[in-house]
Structure formats: C-alpha cells, structure tokens
Amino acid sequence: MFAPTQNLLDWLSSTGLAVSLTVLGAILMARFVNWGGSKVTDRIDSNYMQGDALVRSEATKHRHSVAQVITWVIITIIYVIATMKVLDQLSLPIGSLVAPATVLGAALGFGAQRVVQDILAGFFIITERQYGFGDTVQLAVTGSSEDAEGVIEDVTLRVTRMRNSDGEVITVPNGQIVKAINLSKDWARAVIDVPVPATSDINRVNEVLHQVGVEAFADRGLKKLLLDEPTVMGVESLTVDEVSVRVVARTLPGKQFQVGRALRVRIATAMRRQGITVEPDLQTVRAAEGEG
C-alpha cells in the first residue's frame, strides 16, 4: 500500500528535484541574460542621449540591433540545452526520438517554412545594416495594400517592430518585407512643391524662394539640421491655372519632416509679403532617402 507512495517520494527527491532545478536554472539564466541585454542596450542609448549628436550614428543603431539579436539567440540556446538535459534526466533516450522527430519535422516543415524565411531575412537585414533601432522606415509588406511607416523600436531575427505617428506598434515578419525604404540613413531630403498662379513672375518667385533658403540656412535652429543651403530647383509642373516650383533641402537623417514644416511656414510668409498667392493645402512635403 505504501510502496507506490514511497516510490513517488523517491522519484520526487531524486529525478523530480533534478528536473525542477534544471527548469528553474534555465528560467533564471534566461532572465539574467535578458537583464544583461537590456543593460547593454540602455547603455548604448544613454551614450547617444548624453552626447552632442542630433541623430544616432549608423554604428550605434547597428550595435543596438546586434545586442538584441545576441540576447535572443543566447536565451534560445539556454532553453534548448535545458530541454535536452530534462529529457536525459527523465531517462528518455534521445536516439529513440529521432524517428518520431523526423516524421513530426516533416509534418511541421511546411508550416515552419515561413518562420525559417523570417529568420533568414532578419539575418540579412541586420548584417547588411538595412535599418536599425531608431530609424524612420517605410516597409512594403506582402499582402498589404499600404506600406507600414514608423520608427523602428525592435529588430529581431524574426520580426521588426515599429511605432507609427499615431503611436500604434506595428509588428512585421521579416520574411514578409519586400521593400524597405530607410528615411534616416546617412542623409535625407525635404522636398517642397510651391504652387503659384500661372500669371506670377517666375523669376520673382525663384528670387523669393532663394532668399528664404538663404535665411533658413543662416538660422541657428535650422542650420544644425541642414547639410547645405536649400536649393530652388525651378518649375516642376505646369497647368492652365498654376505653376509648381520645387524647393529641396538636404537634411540630417530623420530630420526632413521637421525641416520641411519649418520651410513651409517661411515660404508661405515670404510669398504673402510679396503679394503672391499660395494655396497651403496644395503644398506637399515629401521625403526621399539620400545615398551617402
């Protein structure tokens, strides 16, 4: 009557205790690695925040992403080793599991293809430095009619997490990304199309816009965001009623939107002073990635 109970107590005091300690140790080690990874990334971020740089360097963004991936890989290895150890402690021969594992692997292989694809894509995203933590990117995703756009908050081997301008977190599997537009790599460009009446003196409009560019580049607040003086490119489009004149400005990576808004205000004010009509809702600011 007491034999089964005694056997259970013996098993719990030996094998059960060993299994429990292995599982607990794996959890503690994983948490420690996660804590250490967080400390590393926090230090990388604090070094940037305490520095004088207006934008993150490519090296800083790459180190942040690599630290996150290394943390994820180490935690995965810890759990795999712990699983193998538990199987051994339970006296389950791993060799006898090869045949069932092969069948199960074949069955799951088709479903795991996307996961493998995500991991491979994530590996190349990180090693090729396509984008990293803090970058402003626009991603074309398979099966989606709209591109995902926002600031990168996390890049792992499997997924990319970003936060858009509405504060929403978007998670995109790396294998589903067909095109990545990095709006904050090396340098960026603010493009402002200024529509004016077709009867306007274009030479005078160009002079006003050029003066706006000179004054913007002389402004302390804007000069630190600009790489050179804004340039008037000339007439971009022509219709019966209006002419669109384009102004472009090379900026620090990720600062094209801020510079574009500031230039729009200056252009609208300057045009009003000269008596030239500008329709604010027809002005567009578009950003294009520049190659450094």
Protein backbone atom coordinates (compact mmCIF):
# COMPACT_ATOMS: atom_id res chain seq x y z
CA MET A 1 0.00 0.00 0.00
CA PHE A 2 2.80 2.34 0.83
CA ALA A 3 5.13 1.14 -1.94
CA PRO A 4 3.73 3.40 -4.72
CA THR A 5 3.81 6.37 -2.37
CA GLN A 6 7.38 5.59 -1.35
CA ASN A 7 8.41 5.21 -4.99
CA LEU A 8 6.82 8.55 -5.82
CA LEU A 9 8.63 10.24 -2.95
CA ASP A 10 11.91 8.67 -4.05
CA TRP A 11 11.34 9.87 -7.63
CA LEU A 12 10.47 13.38 -6.47
CA SER A 13 13.53 13.57 -4.22
CA SER A 14 15.86 12.47 -6.99
CA THR A 15 14.71 12.83 -10.59
CA GLY A 16 11.88 15.27 -9.88
CA LEU A 17 14.18 17.55 -7.91
CA ALA A 18 16.83 17.46 -10.64
CA VAL A 19 14.28 18.30 -13.34
CA SER A 20 12.85 21.13 -11.25
CA LEU A 21 16.31 22.58 -10.61
CA THR A 22 17.17 22.37 -14.32
CA VAL A 23 13.98 24.17 -15.36
CA LEU A 24 14.39 26.78 -12.63
CA GLY A 25 18.04 27.30 -13.54
CA ALA A 26 17.15 27.76 -17.22
CA ILE A 27 14.50 30.35 -16.35
CA LEU A 28 16.87 32.25 -14.06
CA MET A 29 19.67 32.19 -16.63
CA ALA A 30 17.32 33.38 -19.37
CA ARG A 31 16.13 36.23 -17.18
CA PHE A 32 19.71 37.15 -16.30
CA VAL A 33 20.69 37.22 -19.99
CA ASN A 34 17.62 39.32 -20.78
CA TRP A 35 18.54 41.69 -17.95
CA GLY A 36 22.12 41.91 -19.19
CA GLY A 37 20.97 42.58 -22.75
CA SER A 38 18.69 45.35 -21.52
CA LYS A 39 21.59 46.91 -19.63
CA VAL A 40 23.76 46.86 -22.75
CA THR A 41 21.09 48.45 -24.96
CA ASP A 42 20.29 51.03 -22.26
CA ARG A 43 23.96 51.96 -22.09
CA ILE A 44 24.14 52.32 -25.87
CA ASP A 45 21.07 54.58 -25.77
CA SER A 46 22.36 56.63 -22.82
CA ASN A 47 25.69 57.25 -24.57
CA TYR A 48 23.75 58.66 -27.52
CA MET A 49 21.42 60.75 -25.33
CA GLN A 50 24.31 62.23 -23.36
CA GLY A 51 26.28 63.08 -26.48
CA ASP A 52 26.05 66.08 -28.76
CA ALA A 53 24.87 64.15 -31.83
CA LEU A 54 21.46 65.17 -33.18
CA VAL A 55 20.87 61.75 -34.70
CA ARG A 56 22.03 58.25 -33.94
CA SER A 57 25.09 57.08 -35.84
CA GLU A 58 24.82 54.02 -38.05
CA ALA A 59 27.23 52.19 -35.71
CA THR A 60 25.05 52.96 -32.67
CA LYS A 61 21.90 51.69 -34.37
CA HIS A 62 23.69 48.56 -35.56
CA ARG A 63 25.12 47.80 -32.09
CA HIS A 64 21.65 48.17 -30.57
CA SER A 65 20.13 45.71 -33.04
CA VAL A 66 23.00 43.22 -32.69
CA ALA A 67 22.74 43.30 -28.88
CA GLN A 68 19.04 42.46 -29.10
CA VAL A 69 19.64 39.57 -31.51
CA ILE A 70 22.51 38.11 -29.45
CA THR A 71 20.28 38.21 -26.35
CA TRP A 72 17.51 36.36 -28.21
CA VAL A 73 19.91 33.71 -29.56
CA ILE A 74 21.52 33.03 -26.15
CA ILE A 75 18.12 32.64 -24.49
CA THR A 76 17.06 30.20 -27.22
CA ILE A 77 20.24 28.14 -26.71
CA ILE A 78 19.65 28.04 -22.93
CA TYR A 79 16.15 26.64 -23.38
CA VAL A 80 17.28 24.08 -25.97
CA ILE A 81 20.07 22.79 -23.69
CA ALA A 82 17.69 22.70 -20.70
CA THR A 83 15.20 20.68 -22.75
CA MET A 84 17.87 18.16 -23.72
CA LYS A 85 19.01 17.93 -20.09
CA VAL A 86 15.48 17.29 -18.83
CA LEU A 87 14.97 14.54 -21.41
CA ASP A 88 18.18 12.92 -20.22
CA GLN A 89 17.16 13.20 -16.55
CA LEU A 90 13.83 11.57 -17.36
CA SER A 91 15.76 8.69 -18.94
CA LEU A 92 14.20 9.32 -22.33
CA PRO A 93 16.84 8.24 -24.87
CA ILE A 94 17.23 10.92 -27.46
CA GLY A 95 18.14 8.34 -30.09
CA SER A 96 14.72 6.72 -29.83
CA LEU A 97 13.13 10.08 -30.51
CA VAL A 98 14.91 10.55 -33.83
CA ALA A 99 12.34 8.63 -35.92
CA PRO A 100 9.25 10.32 -34.39
CA ALA A 101 11.04 13.67 -34.59
CA THR A 102 11.74 13.11 -38.29
CA VAL A 103 8.08 12.41 -39.00
CA LEU A 104 7.00 15.35 -36.87
CA GLY A 105 9.61 17.58 -38.51
CA ALA A 106 8.39 16.64 -41.97
CA ALA A 107 4.82 17.41 -40.93
CA LEU A 108 5.76 20.73 -39.41
CA GLY A 109 8.26 21.59 -42.13
CA PHE A 110 5.67 23.07 -44.42
CA GLY A 111 4.28 25.24 -41.64
CA ALA A 112 7.75 26.27 -40.47
CA GLN A 113 8.89 27.48 -43.89
CA ARG A 114 7.66 30.99 -43.16
CA VAL A 115 9.47 31.04 -39.81
CA VAL A 116 12.73 29.99 -41.47
CA GLN A 117 12.16 32.61 -44.15
CA ASP A 118 11.61 35.27 -41.47
CA ILE A 119 14.81 34.30 -39.63
CA LEU A 120 16.94 34.33 -42.80
CA ALA A 121 15.51 37.69 -43.85
CA GLY A 122 16.16 39.09 -40.37
CA PHE A 123 19.76 37.85 -40.51
CA PHE A 124 20.42 39.76 -43.73
CA ILE A 125 18.58 42.88 -42.51
CA ILE A 126 20.90 43.08 -39.51
CA THR A 127 24.17 42.06 -41.16
CA GLU A 128 23.60 44.38 -44.15
CA ARG A 129 22.52 47.24 -41.84
CA GLN A 130 19.43 47.94 -43.91
CA TYR A 131 17.88 49.67 -40.88
CA GLY A 132 18.21 49.62 -37.11
CA PHE A 133 16.81 50.87 -33.84
CA GLY A 134 15.65 54.49 -34.12
CA ASP A 135 15.48 54.59 -37.92
CA THR A 136 12.43 56.01 -39.67
CA VAL A 137 11.47 53.48 -42.33
CA GLN A 138 8.73 52.68 -44.81
CA LEU A 139 8.15 48.96 -45.39
CA ALA A 140 6.24 47.37 -48.26
CA VAL A 141 4.64 44.22 -46.86
CA THR A 142 3.40 41.24 -48.86
CA GLY A 143 -0.41 41.11 -48.96
CA SER A 144 -0.85 44.68 -47.69
CA SER A 145 -2.03 47.49 -49.95
CA GLU A 146 -0.49 50.14 -47.67
CA ASP A 147 3.11 50.48 -46.60
CA ALA A 148 3.99 50.33 -42.92
CA GLU A 149 5.78 53.51 -41.85
CA GLY A 150 7.21 54.49 -38.48
CA VAL A 151 10.21 54.49 -36.16
CA ILE A 152 11.97 51.17 -35.51
CA GLU A 153 11.73 50.08 -31.88
CA ASP A 154 12.96 46.49 -32.13
CA VAL A 155 14.61 44.29 -34.74
CA THR A 156 14.96 40.55 -34.10
CA LEU A 157 15.76 37.69 -36.43
CA ARG A 158 12.05 37.00 -36.88
CA VAL A 159 10.14 40.30 -36.70
CA THR A 160 10.53 44.05 -36.99
CA ARG A 161 8.57 46.24 -34.57
CA MET A 162 7.90 49.88 -35.33
CA ARG A 163 5.73 52.67 -33.94
CA ASN A 164 3.85 54.94 -36.35
CA SER A 165 2.93 58.60 -35.92
CA ASP A 166 -0.36 57.63 -34.21
CA GLY A 167 1.54 55.76 -31.50
CA GLU A 168 0.49 52.33 -32.79
CA VAL A 169 3.02 49.48 -32.63
CA ILE A 170 3.30 47.60 -35.93
CA THR A 171 4.88 44.12 -35.98
CA VAL A 172 6.02 42.89 -39.38
CA PRO A 173 7.52 39.41 -40.01
CA ASN A 174 10.88 39.94 -41.70
CA GLY A 175 10.09 37.42 -44.42
CA GLN A 176 7.06 39.46 -45.50
CA ILE A 177 9.08 42.61 -46.22
CA VAL A 178 9.56 43.05 -49.96
CA LYS A 179 10.94 46.60 -49.91
CA ALA A 180 12.44 48.75 -47.16
CA ILE A 181 12.83 52.50 -47.57
CA ASN A 182 15.12 53.97 -44.91
CA LEU A 183 14.26 57.64 -44.43
CA SER A 184 17.04 58.25 -41.92
CA LYS A 185 20.20 56.71 -43.38
CA ASP A 186 23.23 58.97 -43.94
CA TRP A 187 21.13 61.95 -45.06
CA ALA A 188 17.61 62.82 -46.16
CA ARG A 189 15.91 65.38 -48.37
CA ALA A 190 12.93 67.62 -47.72
CA VAL A 191 11.03 68.40 -50.93
CA ILE A 192 8.53 71.27 -51.02
CA ASP A 193 6.39 71.93 -54.09
CA VAL A 194 5.10 75.51 -54.00
CA PRO A 195 2.04 76.14 -56.24
CA VAL A 196 1.69 79.72 -57.51
CA PRO A 197 -0.73 81.28 -60.04
CA ALA A 198 0.29 80.79 -63.67
CA THR A 199 0.32 84.57 -64.09
CA SER A 200 3.05 85.03 -61.47
CA ASP A 201 6.52 86.26 -62.39
CA ILE A 202 8.50 83.01 -62.07
CA ASN A 203 11.82 84.84 -61.85
CA ARG A 204 10.49 86.84 -58.92
CA VAL A 205 9.14 83.66 -57.29
CA ASN A 206 12.54 82.00 -57.65
CA GLU A 207 14.23 85.02 -56.05
CA VAL A 208 11.86 84.93 -53.08
CA LEU A 209 12.34 81.20 -52.58
CA HIS A 210 16.11 81.56 -52.87
CA GLN A 211 16.08 84.26 -50.21
CA VAL A 212 14.00 82.01 -47.96
CA GLY A 213 16.67 79.31 -48.36
CA VAL A 214 19.47 81.74 -47.50
CA GLU A 215 17.67 82.96 -44.38
CA ALA A 216 16.82 79.40 -43.30
CA PHE A 217 20.45 78.31 -43.60
CA ALA A 218 21.52 81.34 -41.57
CA ASP A 219 19.06 80.47 -38.79
CA ARG A 220 20.82 78.74 -35.87
CA GLY A 221 17.95 76.38 -35.17
CA LEU A 222 17.67 75.17 -38.77
CA LYS A 223 21.32 75.28 -39.79
CA LYS A 224 22.23 72.44 -37.42
CA LEU A 225 19.61 70.28 -39.19
CA LEU A 226 20.65 71.25 -42.74
CA LEU A 227 23.63 69.84 -44.61
CA ASP A 228 23.67 72.69 -47.11
CA GLU A 229 21.58 75.65 -48.22
CA PRO A 230 18.09 74.82 -49.58
CA THR A 231 18.02 74.91 -53.37
CA VAL A 232 15.35 76.17 -55.77
CA MET A 233 15.06 73.52 -58.48
CA GLY A 234 12.68 75.55 -60.66
CA VAL A 235 9.34 74.73 -62.27
CA GLU A 236 8.29 71.16 -61.53
CA SER A 237 4.84 71.13 -63.15
CA LEU A 238 2.71 73.46 -65.24
CA THR A 239 -1.08 73.59 -65.61
CA VAL A 240 -3.54 76.11 -67.01
CA ASP A 241 -4.12 77.78 -63.64
CA GLU A 242 -0.93 77.26 -61.66
CA VAL A 243 2.77 76.58 -61.72
CA SER A 244 4.54 74.38 -59.16
CA VAL A 245 8.05 75.44 -58.16
CA ARG A 246 10.16 72.91 -56.26
CA VAL A 247 12.50 73.62 -53.35
CA VAL A 248 14.74 70.87 -51.92
CA ALA A 249 16.89 70.78 -48.80
CA ARG A 250 19.36 68.12 -47.71
CA THR A 251 19.00 67.40 -44.00
CA LEU A 252 20.35 65.19 -41.27
CA PRO A 253 18.79 61.71 -41.34
CA GLY A 254 15.26 61.68 -39.98
CA LYS A 255 15.02 65.49 -39.79
CA GLN A 256 13.46 66.06 -43.22
CA PHE A 257 9.93 66.36 -41.83
CA GLN A 258 10.90 68.96 -39.23
CA VAL A 259 12.85 70.98 -41.80
CA GLY A 260 10.04 70.68 -44.34
CA ARG A 261 7.46 72.08 -41.90
CA ALA A 262 9.75 75.00 -40.98
CA LEU A 263 10.41 75.84 -44.64
CA ARG A 264 6.71 75.74 -45.49
CA VAL A 265 5.98 78.35 -42.84
CA ARG A 266 8.81 80.58 -44.10
CA ILE A 267 7.76 80.19 -47.73
CA ALA A 268 4.08 80.97 -47.04
CA THR A 269 5.06 84.08 -45.03
CA ALA A 270 7.51 85.32 -47.68
CA MET A 271 5.04 84.80 -50.51
CA ARG A 272 2.30 86.63 -48.64
CA ARG A 273 4.57 89.60 -48.10
CA GLN A 274 5.27 89.75 -51.84
CA GLY A 275 1.56 89.52 -52.66
CA ILE A 276 1.94 86.11 -54.33
CA THR A 277 -0.95 83.73 -53.67
CA VAL A 278 -0.06 80.30 -52.31
CA GLU A 279 -2.66 77.63 -51.57
CA PRO A 280 -1.48 75.95 -48.33
CA ASP A 281 -3.48 72.74 -48.88
CA LEU A 282 -1.78 72.19 -52.19
CA GLN A 283 1.70 72.27 -50.72
CA THR A 284 3.26 68.88 -50.23
CA VAL A 285 6.32 67.83 -48.38
CA ARG A 286 7.82 64.55 -49.41
CA ALA A 287 10.92 62.85 -48.18
CA ALA A 288 13.33 60.86 -50.26
CA GLU A 289 16.22 58.83 -48.95
CA GLY A 290 19.62 60.06 -49.91
CA GLU A 291 22.62 57.93 -50.58
CA GLY A 292 25.59 58.99 -48.52
